[in-house]
Amino acid sequence: MLSLVFALLLSGTPAASPELATDARTLADSCIAEGESQGLCECYAGFVADNTTERELSALTVLTDPAHRNSLESALKALTARGMTPGEIFAMAMKADALQDKAKSRCEPE
């Protein structure tokens, strides 16, 4: 599941992105900390914020938190502690996967 989030944070030439709100900013900062460009990370984070609910976006920040990055079990426990059910977690992961191509076309124009 964590790999689905990072799959959204690919390298390339990003399009311009708007100012990011708190959870989207957290996603972008995590991506930047992994060595990706600021513009690309902000574009992807903005796209994710525009195409997810607040609850899903908040959950995605859990998945990119360094405390949970190397442990799927830890991430699942943290999401469950936030009140997410296994079904919601699975649905969120599937949604993130489905958004990959759209995010790439927006943030990495050919």
PDB file of N, CA and C in Angstrom:
ATOM      1  N   MET A   1       0.828  -1.187   0.000  1.00  0.00           N
ATOM      2  CA  MET A   1       0.000   0.000   0.000  1.00  0.00           C
ATOM      3  C   MET A   1       0.871   1.249   0.000  1.00  0.00           C
ATOM      4  N   LEU A   2       1.926   1.244   0.802  1.00  0.00           N
ATOM      5  CA  LEU A   2       2.822   2.382   0.841  1.00  0.00           C
ATOM      6  C   LEU A   2       3.435   2.633  -0.525  1.00  0.00           C
ATOM      7  N   SER A   3       3.705   1.567  -1.258  1.00  0.00           N
ATOM      8  CA  SER A   3       4.277   1.733  -2.587  1.00  0.00           C
ATOM      9  C   SER A   3       3.311   2.444  -3.521  1.00  0.00           C
ATOM     10  N   LEU A   4       2.003   2.310  -3.287  1.00  0.00           N
ATOM     11  CA  LEU A   4       1.022   3.016  -4.107  1.00  0.00           C
ATOM     12  C   LEU A   4       1.146   4.522  -3.928  1.00  0.00           C
ATOM     13  N   VAL A   5       1.394   4.953  -2.701  1.00  0.00           N
ATOM     14  CA  VAL A   5       1.560   6.385  -2.445  1.00  0.00           C
ATOM     15  C   VAL A   5       2.815   6.892  -3.134  1.00  0.00           C
ATOM     16  N   PHE A   6       3.903   6.157  -2.973  1.00  0.00           N
ATOM     17  CA  PHE A   6       5.142   6.608  -3.576  1.00  0.00           C
ATOM     18  C   PHE A   6       5.123   6.497  -5.086  1.00  0.00           C
ATOM     19  N   ALA A   7       4.291   5.622  -5.623  1.00  0.00           N
ATOM     20  CA  ALA A   7       4.154   5.544  -7.073  1.00  0.00           C
ATOM     21  C   ALA A   7       3.580   6.837  -7.623  1.00  0.00           C
ATOM     22  N   LEU A   8       2.817   7.545  -6.798  1.00  0.00           N
ATOM     23  CA  LEU A   8       2.278   8.835  -7.222  1.00  0.00           C
ATOM     24  C   LEU A   8       3.341   9.922  -7.232  1.00  0.00           C
ATOM     25  N   LEU A   9       4.444   9.674  -6.573  1.00  0.00           N
ATOM     26  CA  LEU A   9       5.474  10.688  -6.429  1.00  0.00           C
ATOM     27  C   LEU A   9       6.673  10.356  -7.307  1.00  0.00           C
ATOM     28  N   LEU A  10       6.474  10.412  -8.603  1.00  0.00           N
ATOM     29  CA  LEU A  10       7.495  10.053  -9.576  1.00  0.00           C
ATOM     30  C   LEU A  10       8.311  11.275  -9.975  1.00  0.00           C
ATOM     31  N   SER A  11       9.453  11.061 -10.607  1.00  0.00           N
ATOM     32  CA  SER A  11      10.257  12.188 -11.067  1.00  0.00           C
ATOM     33  C   SER A  11       9.863  12.612 -12.474  1.00  0.00           C
ATOM     34  N   GLY A  12      10.225  13.842 -12.850  1.00  0.00           N
ATOM     35  CA  GLY A  12       9.913  14.386 -14.168  1.00  0.00           C
ATOM     36  C   GLY A  12       9.796  15.887 -14.107  1.00  0.00           C
ATOM     37  N   THR A  13       9.227  16.477 -15.120  1.00  0.00           N
ATOM     38  CA  THR A  13       9.047  17.917 -15.172  1.00  0.00           C
ATOM     39  C   THR A  13       7.622  18.261 -14.768  1.00  0.00           C
ATOM     40  N   PRO A  14       7.429  18.899 -13.613  1.00  0.00           N
ATOM     41  CA  PRO A  14       6.090  19.155 -13.112  1.00  0.00           C
ATOM     42  C   PRO A  14       5.433  20.382 -13.715  1.00  0.00           C
ATOM     43  N   ALA A  15       4.121  20.379 -13.670  1.00  0.00           N
ATOM     44  CA  ALA A  15       3.352  21.567 -14.017  1.00  0.00           C
ATOM     45  C   ALA A  15       3.286  22.460 -12.776  1.00  0.00           C
ATOM     46  N   ALA A  16       2.888  23.698 -12.935  1.00  0.00           N
ATOM     47  CA  ALA A  16       2.773  24.607 -11.799  1.00  0.00           C
ATOM     48  C   ALA A  16       1.698  24.098 -10.850  1.00  0.00           C
ATOM     49  N   SER A  17       1.906  24.331  -9.552  1.00  0.00           N
ATOM     50  CA  SER A  17       0.931  23.863  -8.572  1.00  0.00           C
ATOM     51  C   SER A  17       0.502  25.019  -7.677  1.00  0.00           C
ATOM     52  N   PRO A  18      -0.728  24.945  -7.172  1.00  0.00           N
ATOM     53  CA  PRO A  18      -1.215  25.990  -6.286  1.00  0.00           C
ATOM     54  C   PRO A  18      -0.640  25.837  -4.890  1.00  0.00           C
ATOM     55  N   GLU A  19      -0.896  26.807  -4.027  1.00  0.00           N
ATOM     56  CA  GLU A  19      -0.483  26.745  -2.622  1.00  0.00           C
ATOM     57  C   GLU A  19      -1.119  25.514  -1.992  1.00  0.00           C
ATOM     58  N   LEU A  20      -0.346  24.782  -1.208  1.00  0.00           N
ATOM     59  CA  LEU A  20      -0.835  23.539  -0.624  1.00  0.00           C
ATOM     60  C   LEU A  20      -1.305  23.743   0.813  1.00  0.00           C
ATOM     61  N   ALA A  21      -2.413  23.082   1.155  1.00  0.00           N
ATOM     62  CA  ALA A  21      -2.938  23.107   2.517  1.00  0.00           C
ATOM     63  C   ALA A  21      -2.136  22.124   3.372  1.00  0.00           C
ATOM     64  N   THR A  22      -2.448  22.037   4.629  1.00  0.00           N
ATOM     65  CA  THR A  22      -1.656  21.310   5.614  1.00  0.00           C
ATOM     66  C   THR A  22      -1.310  19.874   5.226  1.00  0.00           C
ATOM     67  N   ASP A  23      -2.285  18.993   5.008  1.00  0.00           N
ATOM     68  CA  ASP A  23      -1.973  17.602   4.694  1.00  0.00           C
ATOM     69  C   ASP A  23      -1.286  17.455   3.344  1.00  0.00           C
ATOM     70  N   ALA A  24      -1.681  18.237   2.371  1.00  0.00           N
ATOM     71  CA  ALA A  24      -1.021  18.196   1.068  1.00  0.00           C
ATOM     72  C   ALA A  24       0.423  18.688   1.205  1.00  0.00           C
ATOM     73  N   ARG A  25       0.628  19.696   2.021  1.00  0.00           N
ATOM     74  CA  ARG A  25       1.982  20.205   2.271  1.00  0.00           C
ATOM     75  C   ARG A  25       2.837  19.116   2.912  1.00  0.00           C
ATOM     76  N   THR A  26       2.235  18.354   3.828  1.00  0.00           N
ATOM     77  CA  THR A  26       2.943  17.254   4.483  1.00  0.00           C
ATOM     78  C   THR A  26       3.369  16.213   3.459  1.00  0.00           C
ATOM     79  N   LEU A  27       2.465  15.863   2.535  1.00  0.00           N
ATOM     80  CA  LEU A  27       2.812  14.911   1.477  1.00  0.00           C
ATOM     81  C   LEU A  27       3.951  15.445   0.618  1.00  0.00           C
ATOM     82  N   ALA A  28       3.856  16.696   0.214  1.00  0.00           N
ATOM     83  CA  ALA A  28       4.896  17.292  -0.631  1.00  0.00           C
ATOM     84  C   ALA A  28       6.236  17.312   0.098  1.00  0.00           C
ATOM     85  N   ASP A  29       6.226  17.703   1.359  1.00  0.00           N
ATOM     86  CA  ASP A  29       7.474  17.767   2.124  1.00  0.00           C
ATOM     87  C   ASP A  29       8.114  16.391   2.281  1.00  0.00           C
ATOM     88  N   SER A  30       7.290  15.372   2.457  1.00  0.00           N
ATOM     89  CA  SER A  30       7.801  14.005   2.569  1.00  0.00           C
ATOM     90  C   SER A  30       8.454  13.577   1.259  1.00  0.00           C
ATOM     91  N   CYS A  31       7.823  13.912   0.159  1.00  0.00           N
ATOM     92  CA  CYS A  31       8.357  13.597  -1.167  1.00  0.00           C
ATOM     93  C   CYS A  31       9.684  14.325  -1.397  1.00  0.00           C
ATOM     94  N   ILE A  32       9.725  15.592  -1.038  1.00  0.00           N
ATOM     95  CA  ILE A  32      10.946  16.393  -1.189  1.00  0.00           C
ATOM     96  C   ILE A  32      12.073  15.796  -0.346  1.00  0.00           C
ATOM     97  N   ALA A  33      11.727  15.354   0.869  1.00  0.00           N
ATOM     98  CA  ALA A  33      12.726  14.752   1.756  1.00  0.00           C
ATOM     99  C   ALA A  33      13.300  13.468   1.166  1.00  0.00           C
ATOM    100  N   GLU A  34      12.554  12.828   0.278  1.00  0.00           N
ATOM    101  CA  GLU A  34      13.026  11.618  -0.391  1.00  0.00           C
ATOM    102  C   GLU A  34      13.906  11.934  -1.597  1.00  0.00           C
ATOM    103  N   GLY A  35      14.094  13.233  -1.887  1.00  0.00           N
ATOM    104  CA  GLY A  35      15.010  13.624  -2.946  1.00  0.00           C
ATOM    105  C   GLY A  35      14.383  14.044  -4.261  1.00  0.00           C
ATOM    106  N   GLU A  36      13.061  14.086  -4.322  1.00  0.00           N
ATOM    107  CA  GLU A  36      12.392  14.523  -5.546  1.00  0.00           C
ATOM    108  C   GLU A  36      12.356  16.053  -5.597  1.00  0.00           C
ATOM    109  N   SER A  37      12.087  16.600  -6.769  1.00  0.00           N
ATOM    110  CA  SER A  37      12.063  18.053  -6.928  1.00  0.00           C
ATOM    111  C   SER A  37      10.842  18.656  -6.232  1.00  0.00           C
ATOM    112  N   GLN A  38      11.008  19.861  -5.746  1.00  0.00           N
ATOM    113  CA  GLN A  38       9.923  20.544  -5.054  1.00  0.00           C
ATOM    114  C   GLN A  38       8.715  20.724  -5.962  1.00  0.00           C
ATOM    115  N   GLY A  39       8.932  21.165  -7.176  1.00  0.00           N
ATOM    116  CA  GLY A  39       7.825  21.398  -8.102  1.00  0.00           C
ATOM    117  C   GLY A  39       7.028  20.139  -8.392  1.00  0.00           C
ATOM    118  N   LEU A  40       7.725  19.048  -8.633  1.00  0.00           N
ATOM    119  CA  LEU A  40       7.050  17.791  -8.912  1.00  0.00           C
ATOM    120  C   LEU A  40       6.264  17.315  -7.690  1.00  0.00           C
ATOM    121  N   CYS A  41       6.894  17.363  -6.534  1.00  0.00           N
ATOM    122  CA  CYS A  41       6.237  16.912  -5.309  1.00  0.00           C
ATOM    123  C   CYS A  41       4.998  17.749  -5.003  1.00  0.00           C
ATOM    124  N   GLU A  42       5.081  19.050  -5.197  1.00  0.00           N
ATOM    125  CA  GLU A  42       3.929  19.917  -4.948  1.00  0.00           C
ATOM    126  C   GLU A  42       2.821  19.660  -5.954  1.00  0.00           C
ATOM    127  N   CYS A  43       3.184  19.380  -7.189  1.00  0.00           N
ATOM    128  CA  CYS A  43       2.170  19.066  -8.196  1.00  0.00           C
ATOM    129  C   CYS A  43       1.427  17.790  -7.825  1.00  0.00           C
ATOM    130  N   TYR A  44       2.160  16.725  -7.504  1.00  0.00           N
ATOM    131  CA  TYR A  44       1.518  15.469  -7.126  1.00  0.00           C
ATOM    132  C   TYR A  44       0.685  15.618  -5.863  1.00  0.00           C
ATOM    133  N   ALA A  45       1.218  16.299  -4.866  1.00  0.00           N
ATOM    134  CA  ALA A  45       0.471  16.485  -3.617  1.00  0.00           C
ATOM    135  C   ALA A  45      -0.807  17.281  -3.863  1.00  0.00           C
ATOM    136  N   GLY A  46      -0.729  18.304  -4.698  1.00  0.00           N
ATOM    137  CA  GLY A  46      -1.917  19.082  -5.046  1.00  0.00           C
ATOM    138  C   GLY A  46      -2.943  18.239  -5.783  1.00  0.00           C
ATOM    139  N   PHE A  47      -2.467  17.400  -6.697  1.00  0.00           N
ATOM    140  CA  PHE A  47      -3.367  16.514  -7.428  1.00  0.00           C
ATOM    141  C   PHE A  47      -4.057  15.537  -6.480  1.00  0.00           C
ATOM    142  N   VAL A  48      -3.289  14.951  -5.583  1.00  0.00           N
ATOM    143  CA  VAL A  48      -3.856  14.016  -4.608  1.00  0.00           C
ATOM    144  C   VAL A  48      -4.895  14.736  -3.746  1.00  0.00           C
ATOM    145  N   ALA A  49      -4.579  15.936  -3.295  1.00  0.00           N
ATOM    146  CA  ALA A  49      -5.517  16.703  -2.464  1.00  0.00           C
ATOM    147  C   ALA A  49      -6.803  17.016  -3.219  1.00  0.00           C
ATOM    148  N   ASP A  50      -6.680  17.323  -4.497  1.00  0.00           N
ATOM    149  CA  ASP A  50      -7.852  17.652  -5.313  1.00  0.00           C
ATOM    150  C   ASP A  50      -8.732  16.439  -5.611  1.00  0.00           C
ATOM    151  N   ASN A  51      -8.176  15.246  -5.501  1.00  0.00           N
ATOM    152  CA  ASN A  51      -8.888  14.042  -5.921  1.00  0.00           C
ATOM    153  C   ASN A  51      -9.129  13.029  -4.805  1.00  0.00           C
ATOM    154  N   THR A  52      -8.988  13.465  -3.577  1.00  0.00           N
ATOM    155  CA  THR A  52      -9.271  12.610  -2.430  1.00  0.00           C
ATOM    156  C   THR A  52     -10.080  13.397  -1.412  1.00  0.00           C
ATOM    157  N   THR A  53     -10.710  12.672  -0.520  1.00  0.00           N
ATOM    158  CA  THR A  53     -11.422  13.328   0.580  1.00  0.00           C
ATOM    159  C   THR A  53     -10.402  13.759   1.628  1.00  0.00           C
ATOM    160  N   GLU A  54     -10.827  14.599   2.549  1.00  0.00           N
ATOM    161  CA  GLU A  54      -9.927  15.016   3.633  1.00  0.00           C
ATOM    162  C   GLU A  54      -9.456  13.811   4.435  1.00  0.00           C
ATOM    163  N   ARG A  55     -10.356  12.872   4.660  1.00  0.00           N
ATOM    164  CA  ARG A  55     -10.017  11.664   5.428  1.00  0.00           C
ATOM    165  C   ARG A  55      -8.976  10.825   4.680  1.00  0.00           C
ATOM    166  N   GLU A  56      -9.144  10.672   3.383  1.00  0.00           N
ATOM    167  CA  GLU A  56      -8.175   9.914   2.590  1.00  0.00           C
ATOM    168  C   GLU A  56      -6.820  10.621   2.557  1.00  0.00           C
ATOM    169  N   LEU A  57      -6.848  11.922   2.379  1.00  0.00           N
ATOM    170  CA  LEU A  57      -5.610  12.694   2.339  1.00  0.00           C
ATOM    171  C   LEU A  57      -4.873  12.588   3.664  1.00  0.00           C
ATOM    172  N   SER A  58      -5.603  12.697   4.752  1.00  0.00           N
ATOM    173  CA  SER A  58      -4.998  12.558   6.072  1.00  0.00           C
ATOM    174  C   SER A  58      -4.385  11.173   6.240  1.00  0.00           C
ATOM    175  N   ALA A  59      -5.079  10.155   5.766  1.00  0.00           N
ATOM    176  CA  ALA A  59      -4.560   8.785   5.850  1.00  0.00           C
ATOM    177  C   ALA A  59      -3.289   8.633   5.025  1.00  0.00           C
ATOM    178  N   LEU A  60      -3.236   9.269   3.881  1.00  0.00           N
ATOM    179  CA  LEU A  60      -2.035   9.177   3.046  1.00  0.00           C
ATOM    180  C   LEU A  60      -0.825   9.802   3.733  1.00  0.00           C
ATOM    181  N   THR A  61      -1.057  10.816   4.548  1.00  0.00           N
ATOM    182  CA  THR A  61       0.072  11.402   5.288  1.00  0.00           C
ATOM    183  C   THR A  61       0.630  10.403   6.288  1.00  0.00           C
ATOM    184  N   VAL A  62      -0.225   9.546   6.822  1.00  0.00           N
ATOM    185  CA  VAL A  62       0.244   8.496   7.734  1.00  0.00           C
ATOM    186  C   VAL A  62       1.186   7.564   6.976  1.00  0.00           C
ATOM    187  N   LEU A  63       0.812   7.212   5.765  1.00  0.00           N
ATOM    188  CA  LEU A  63       1.620   6.277   4.981  1.00  0.00           C
ATOM    189  C   LEU A  63       2.974   6.846   4.590  1.00  0.00           C
ATOM    190  N   THR A  64       3.084   8.151   4.493  1.00  0.00           N
ATOM    191  CA  THR A  64       4.363   8.754   4.125  1.00  0.00           C
ATOM    192  C   THR A  64       5.172   9.196   5.335  1.00  0.00           C
ATOM    193  N   ASP A  65       4.619   9.038   6.530  1.00  0.00           N
ATOM    194  CA  ASP A  65       5.325   9.386   7.762  1.00  0.00           C
ATOM    195  C   ASP A  65       6.528   8.457   7.926  1.00  0.00           C
ATOM    196  N   PRO A  66       7.714   9.017   8.166  1.00  0.00           N
ATOM    197  CA  PRO A  66       8.901   8.170   8.342  1.00  0.00           C
ATOM    198  C   PRO A  66       8.729   7.094   9.418  1.00  0.00           C
ATOM    199  N   ALA A  67       7.903   7.341  10.409  1.00  0.00           N
ATOM    200  CA  ALA A  67       7.682   6.357  11.470  1.00  0.00           C
ATOM    201  C   ALA A  67       7.015   5.086  10.943  1.00  0.00           C
ATOM    202  N   HIS A  68       6.330   5.179   9.806  1.00  0.00           N
ATOM    203  CA  HIS A  68       5.596   4.031   9.277  1.00  0.00           C
ATOM    204  C   HIS A  68       6.099   3.574   7.907  1.00  0.00           C
ATOM    205  N   ARG A  69       7.051   4.281   7.368  1.00  0.00           N
ATOM    206  CA  ARG A  69       7.489   4.045   5.996  1.00  0.00           C
ATOM    207  C   ARG A  69       8.017   2.641   5.750  1.00  0.00           C
ATOM    208  N   ASN A  70       8.675   2.057   6.716  1.00  0.00           N
ATOM    209  CA  ASN A  70       9.285   0.747   6.509  1.00  0.00           C
ATOM    210  C   ASN A  70       8.476  -0.402   7.095  1.00  0.00           C
ATOM    211  N   SER A  71       7.282  -0.092   7.595  1.00  0.00           N
ATOM    212  CA  SER A  71       6.493  -1.147   8.222  1.00  0.00           C
ATOM    213  C   SER A  71       5.017  -1.012   7.850  1.00  0.00           C
ATOM    214  N   LEU A  72       4.560  -1.888   7.013  1.00  0.00           N
ATOM    215  CA  LEU A  72       3.150  -1.897   6.643  1.00  0.00           C
ATOM    216  C   LEU A  72       2.290  -2.144   7.878  1.00  0.00           C
ATOM    217  N   GLU A  73       2.759  -3.005   8.764  1.00  0.00           N
ATOM    218  CA  GLU A  73       2.018  -3.287  10.000  1.00  0.00           C
ATOM    219  C   GLU A  73       1.849  -2.016  10.835  1.00  0.00           C
ATOM    220  N   SER A  74       2.911  -1.249  10.964  1.00  0.00           N
ATOM    221  CA  SER A  74       2.851  -0.004  11.719  1.00  0.00           C
ATOM    222  C   SER A  74       1.884   0.987  11.074  1.00  0.00           C
ATOM    223  N   ALA A  75       1.938   1.087   9.757  1.00  0.00           N
ATOM    224  CA  ALA A  75       1.042   1.998   9.040  1.00  0.00           C
ATOM    225  C   ALA A  75      -0.411   1.574   9.213  1.00  0.00           C
ATOM    226  N   LEU A  76      -0.673   0.285   9.100  1.00  0.00           N
ATOM    227  CA  LEU A  76      -2.050  -0.212   9.271  1.00  0.00           C
ATOM    228  C   LEU A  76      -2.560   0.042  10.688  1.00  0.00           C
ATOM    229  N   LYS A  77      -1.699  -0.138  11.677  1.00  0.00           N
ATOM    230  CA  LYS A  77      -2.092   0.139  13.063  1.00  0.00           C
ATOM    231  C   LYS A  77      -2.417   1.625  13.238  1.00  0.00           C
ATOM    232  N   ALA A  78      -1.598   2.484  12.639  1.00  0.00           N
ATOM    233  CA  ALA A  78      -1.828   3.927  12.754  1.00  0.00           C
ATOM    234  C   ALA A  78      -3.136   4.327  12.071  1.00  0.00           C
ATOM    235  N   LEU A  79      -3.412   3.753  10.916  1.00  0.00           N
ATOM    236  CA  LEU A  79      -4.659   4.060  10.210  1.00  0.00           C
ATOM    237  C   LEU A  79      -5.868   3.540  10.976  1.00  0.00           C
ATOM    238  N   THR A  80      -5.739   2.361  11.535  1.00  0.00           N
ATOM    239  CA  THR A  80      -6.821   1.794  12.341  1.00  0.00           C
ATOM    240  C   THR A  80      -7.055   2.657  13.584  1.00  0.00           C
ATOM    241  N   ALA A  81      -5.978   3.143  14.183  1.00  0.00           N
ATOM    242  CA  ALA A  81      -6.100   4.024  15.349  1.00  0.00           C
ATOM    243  C   ALA A  81      -6.818   5.327  14.995  1.00  0.00           C
ATOM    244  N   ARG A  82      -6.755   5.727  13.732  1.00  0.00           N
ATOM    245  CA  ARG A  82      -7.470   6.922  13.270  1.00  0.00           C
ATOM    246  C   ARG A  82      -8.921   6.609  12.918  1.00  0.00           C
ATOM    247  N   GLY A  83      -9.317   5.369  13.138  1.00  0.00           N
ATOM    248  CA  GLY A  83     -10.703   4.998  12.917  1.00  0.00           C
ATOM    249  C   GLY A  83     -11.026   4.439  11.544  1.00  0.00           C
ATOM    250  N   MET A  84     -10.005   4.157  10.753  1.00  0.00           N
ATOM    251  CA  MET A  84     -10.257   3.605   9.422  1.00  0.00           C
ATOM    252  C   MET A  84     -10.437   2.096   9.512  1.00  0.00           C
ATOM    253  N   THR A  85     -11.369   1.597   8.746  1.00  0.00           N
ATOM    254  CA  THR A  85     -11.595   0.159   8.680  1.00  0.00           C
ATOM    255  C   THR A  85     -10.689  -0.438   7.607  1.00  0.00           C
ATOM    256  N   PRO A  86     -10.469  -1.753   7.651  1.00  0.00           N
ATOM    257  CA  PRO A  86      -9.678  -2.380   6.585  1.00  0.00           C
ATOM    258  C   PRO A  86     -10.269  -2.115   5.198  1.00  0.00           C
ATOM    259  N   GLY A  87     -11.576  -2.101   5.095  1.00  0.00           N
ATOM    260  CA  GLY A  87     -12.218  -1.808   3.810  1.00  0.00           C
ATOM    261  C   GLY A  87     -11.911  -0.405   3.319  1.00  0.00           C
ATOM    262  N   GLU A  88     -11.928   0.571   4.219  1.00  0.00           N
ATOM    263  CA  GLU A  88     -11.603   1.955   3.843  1.00  0.00           C
ATOM    264  C   GLU A  88     -10.140   2.075   3.422  1.00  0.00           C
ATOM    265  N   ILE A  89      -9.272   1.386   4.128  1.00  0.00           N
ATOM    266  CA  ILE A  89      -7.848   1.424   3.798  1.00  0.00           C
ATOM    267  C   ILE A  89      -7.624   0.823   2.410  1.00  0.00           C
ATOM    268  N   PHE A  90      -8.253  -0.296   2.149  1.00  0.00           N
ATOM    269  CA  PHE A  90      -8.132  -0.939   0.839  1.00  0.00           C
ATOM    270  C   PHE A  90      -8.688  -0.036  -0.261  1.00  0.00           C
ATOM    271  N   ALA A  91      -9.856   0.553  -0.019  1.00  0.00           N
ATOM    272  CA  ALA A  91     -10.473   1.441  -1.015  1.00  0.00           C
ATOM    273  C   ALA A  91      -9.574   2.642  -1.298  1.00  0.00           C
ATOM    274  N   MET A  92      -8.953   3.189  -0.259  1.00  0.00           N
ATOM    275  CA  MET A  92      -8.055   4.324  -0.433  1.00  0.00           C
ATOM    276  C   MET A  92      -6.855   3.925  -1.285  1.00  0.00           C
ATOM    277  N   ALA A  93      -6.294   2.754  -1.024  1.00  0.00           N
ATOM    278  CA  ALA A  93      -5.151   2.287  -1.797  1.00  0.00           C
ATOM    279  C   ALA A  93      -5.534   2.069  -3.262  1.00  0.00           C
ATOM    280  N   MET A  94      -6.699   1.517  -3.496  1.00  0.00           N
ATOM    281  CA  MET A  94      -7.163   1.291  -4.867  1.00  0.00           C
ATOM    282  C   MET A  94      -7.400   2.626  -5.577  1.00  0.00           C
ATOM    283  N   LYS A  95      -7.933   3.599  -4.876  1.00  0.00           N
ATOM    284  CA  LYS A  95      -8.166   4.919  -5.465  1.00  0.00           C
ATOM    285  C   LYS A  95      -6.835   5.574  -5.846  1.00  0.00           C
ATOM    286  N   ALA A  96      -5.858   5.492  -4.945  1.00  0.00           N
ATOM    287  CA  ALA A  96      -4.538   6.063  -5.231  1.00  0.00           C
ATOM    288  C   ALA A  96      -3.933   5.407  -6.465  1.00  0.00           C
ATOM    289  N   ASP A  97      -4.077   4.105  -6.566  1.00  0.00           N
ATOM    290  CA  ASP A  97      -3.564   3.384  -7.727  1.00  0.00           C
ATOM    291  C   ASP A  97      -4.256   3.828  -9.020  1.00  0.00           C
ATOM    292  N   ALA A  98      -5.570   4.022  -8.935  1.00  0.00           N
ATOM    293  CA  ALA A  98      -6.347   4.432 -10.111  1.00  0.00           C
ATOM    294  C   ALA A  98      -6.003   5.849 -10.570  1.00  0.00           C
ATOM    295  N   LEU A  99      -5.520   6.684  -9.683  1.00  0.00           N
ATOM    296  CA  LEU A  99      -5.202   8.079 -10.022  1.00  0.00           C
ATOM    297  C   LEU A  99      -3.810   8.256 -10.627  1.00  0.00           C
ATOM    298  N   GLN A 100      -3.005   7.218 -10.633  1.00  0.00           N
ATOM    299  CA  GLN A 100      -1.617   7.342 -11.072  1.00  0.00           C
ATOM    300  C   GLN A 100      -1.459   7.941 -12.461  1.00  0.00           C
ATOM    301  N   ASP A 101      -2.161   7.409 -13.451  1.00  0.00           N
ATOM    302  CA  ASP A 101      -1.995   7.899 -14.818  1.00  0.00           C
ATOM    303  C   ASP A 101      -2.428   9.350 -14.964  1.00  0.00           C
ATOM    304  N   LYS A 102      -3.538   9.715 -14.318  1.00  0.00           N
ATOM    305  CA  LYS A 102      -4.008  11.097 -14.386  1.00  0.00           C
ATOM    306  C   LYS A 102      -3.015  12.038 -13.720  1.00  0.00           C
ATOM    307  N   ALA A 103      -2.484  11.629 -12.593  1.00  0.00           N
ATOM    308  CA  ALA A 103      -1.493  12.452 -11.887  1.00  0.00           C
ATOM    309  C   ALA A 103      -0.242  12.624 -12.746  1.00  0.00           C
ATOM    310  N   LYS A 104       0.182  11.558 -13.370  1.00  0.00           N
ATOM    311  CA  LYS A 104       1.382  11.630 -14.203  1.00  0.00           C
ATOM    312  C   LYS A 104       1.170  12.567 -15.387  1.00  0.00           C
ATOM    313  N   SER A 105       0.020  12.489 -16.027  1.00  0.00           N
ATOM    314  CA  SER A 105      -0.222  13.363 -17.185  1.00  0.00           C
ATOM    315  C   SER A 105      -0.325  14.824 -16.770  1.00  0.00           C
ATOM    316  N   ARG A 106      -0.812  15.092 -15.588  1.00  0.00           N
ATOM    317  CA  ARG A 106      -0.904  16.468 -15.112  1.00  0.00           C
ATOM    318  C   ARG A 106       0.455  17.016 -14.686  1.00  0.00           C
ATOM    319  N   CYS A 107       1.222  16.201 -14.004  1.00  0.00           N
ATOM    320  CA  CYS A 107       2.465  16.687 -13.392  1.00  0.00           C
ATOM    321  C   CYS A 107       3.719  16.415 -14.213  1.00  0.00           C
ATOM    322  N   GLU A 108       3.611  15.527 -15.187  1.00  0.00           N
ATOM    323  CA  GLU A 108       4.768  15.199 -16.023  1.00  0.00           C
ATOM    324  C   GLU A 108       4.390  15.270 -17.494  1.00  0.00           C
ATOM    325  N   PRO A 109       4.043  16.460 -17.971  1.00  0.00           N
ATOM    326  CA  PRO A 109       3.664  16.560 -19.392  1.00  0.00           C
ATOM    327  C   PRO A 109       4.835  16.168 -20.285  1.00  0.00           C
ATOM    328  N   GLU A 110       4.515  15.521 -21.371  1.00  0.00           N
ATOM    329  CA  GLU A 110       5.559  15.034 -22.309  1.00  0.00           C
ATOM    330  C   GLU A 110       6.195  16.172 -23.045  1.00  0.00           C
TER     331      GLU A 110
END
